[in-house]
């Protein structure tokens, strides 16, 4: 972490050494402090990062596909059992066995 508290020089010198813009340092610092204040006040919600959003969308898509597959399989099994003369109660009994 960049800090001049340890006698390492000014923030501007540290930013130059680390290759970041001073304005970027101050925006990160402000964001960090504001987030800390919110967390201390009990606000634990935060914005998701782009990577998190992408991962959640992929997971959601995969889960929707699984639900669709299971729904189709369930309908097929019900149709097959009804053609064989099985009732819904018998299907439940077979599933529980």
Protein backbone atom coordinates (compact mmCIF):
# COMPACT_ATOMS: atom_id res chain seq x y z
CA UNK A 1 0.00 0.00 0.00
CA UNK A 2 1.22 3.45 -0.79
CA UNK A 3 1.64 5.63 2.24
CA UNK A 4 3.90 8.38 3.30
CA UNK A 5 3.36 7.59 6.99
CA UNK A 6 6.44 5.36 7.03
CA UNK A 7 8.75 8.11 5.83
CA UNK A 8 8.98 6.70 2.32
CA UNK A 9 8.40 10.03 0.63
CA UNK A 10 5.39 11.89 -0.66
CA UNK A 11 2.35 10.29 -2.25
CA UNK A 12 3.39 11.80 -5.59
CA UNK A 13 6.85 10.19 -5.33
CA UNK A 14 5.39 6.82 -4.40
CA UNK A 15 2.89 6.98 -7.27
CA UNK A 16 5.69 7.78 -9.73
CA UNK A 17 7.76 4.90 -8.39
CA UNK A 18 4.80 2.47 -8.67
CA UNK A 19 3.76 3.80 -12.07
CA UNK A 20 0.24 4.97 -11.20
CA UNK A 21 -1.38 8.35 -11.58
CA UNK A 22 -1.71 10.39 -8.40
CA UNK A 23 -5.38 10.99 -9.22
CA UNK A 24 -5.93 7.23 -9.39
CA UNK A 25 -4.35 6.81 -5.96
CA UNK A 26 -6.63 9.44 -4.46
CA UNK A 27 -9.76 7.98 -6.10
CA UNK A 28 -8.85 4.51 -4.75
CA UNK A 29 -8.17 5.99 -1.34
CA UNK A 30 -11.49 7.84 -1.30
CA UNK A 31 -13.40 4.74 -2.45
CA UNK A 32 -11.67 2.63 0.20
CA UNK A 33 -12.50 5.09 2.98
CA UNK A 34 -16.14 5.49 1.87
CA UNK A 35 -16.58 1.72 1.72
CA UNK A 36 -15.10 1.41 5.21
CA UNK A 37 -17.50 4.02 6.56
CA UNK A 38 -20.48 2.23 5.01
CA UNK A 39 -19.39 -1.14 6.39
CA UNK A 40 -18.91 0.33 9.86
CA UNK A 41 -22.41 1.81 9.62
CA UNK A 42 -23.80 -1.67 8.91
CA UNK A 43 -24.20 -1.40 5.13
CA UNK A 44 -22.67 -4.60 3.80
CA UNK A 45 -24.07 -4.37 0.26
CA UNK A 46 -21.64 -3.58 -2.52
CA UNK A 47 -21.54 -3.40 -6.28
CA UNK A 48 -20.58 -6.63 -8.03
CA UNK A 49 -17.44 -6.54 -10.14
CA UNK A 50 -17.58 -7.22 -13.87
CA UNK A 51 -16.02 -10.64 -13.38
CA UNK A 52 -18.57 -11.52 -10.69
CA UNK A 53 -21.45 -10.43 -12.93
CA UNK A 54 -20.07 -12.50 -15.83
CA UNK A 55 -19.67 -15.56 -13.57
CA UNK A 56 -23.17 -15.16 -12.13
CA UNK A 57 -24.70 -14.86 -15.60
CA UNK A 58 -22.89 -18.02 -16.72
CA UNK A 59 -24.04 -19.89 -13.61
CA UNK A 60 -27.61 -18.67 -14.08
CA UNK A 61 -27.60 -19.80 -17.70
CA UNK A 62 -26.27 -23.24 -16.75
CA UNK A 63 -28.88 -23.63 -14.01
CA UNK A 64 -31.68 -22.62 -16.38
CA UNK A 65 -30.49 -25.27 -18.82
CA UNK A 66 -30.52 -27.91 -16.07
CA UNK A 67 -34.06 -26.92 -15.04
CA UNK A 68 -35.21 -27.08 -18.67
CA UNK A 69 -33.65 -30.53 -19.14
CA UNK A 70 -35.21 -31.86 -15.94
CA UNK A 71 -38.61 -30.39 -16.83
CA UNK A 72 -38.54 -32.10 -20.24
CA UNK A 73 -37.41 -35.38 -18.69
CA UNK A 74 -40.18 -35.14 -16.07
CA UNK A 75 -42.84 -34.54 -18.78
CA UNK A 76 -41.51 -37.46 -20.84
CA UNK A 77 -41.60 -39.78 -17.82
CA UNK A 78 -45.17 -38.71 -16.97
CA UNK A 79 -46.31 -39.35 -20.56
CA UNK A 80 -44.57 -42.73 -20.63
CA UNK A 81 -46.13 -43.76 -17.31
CA UNK A 82 -49.61 -42.57 -18.32
CA UNK A 83 -49.40 -44.67 -21.51
CA UNK A 84 -48.49 -47.67 -19.38
CA UNK A 85 -51.58 -47.10 -17.21
CA UNK A 86 -49.70 -45.82 -14.20
CA UNK A 87 -51.41 -43.16 -12.13
CA UNK A 88 -49.74 -40.12 -10.64
CA UNK A 89 -49.85 -41.79 -7.19
CA UNK A 90 -48.05 -44.82 -8.54
CA UNK A 91 -45.41 -42.59 -10.10
CA UNK A 92 -44.83 -40.93 -6.74
CA UNK A 93 -44.65 -44.31 -5.04
CA UNK A 94 -42.07 -45.54 -7.56
CA UNK A 95 -40.02 -42.36 -7.17
CA UNK A 96 -39.99 -42.67 -3.37
CA UNK A 97 -38.94 -46.35 -3.47
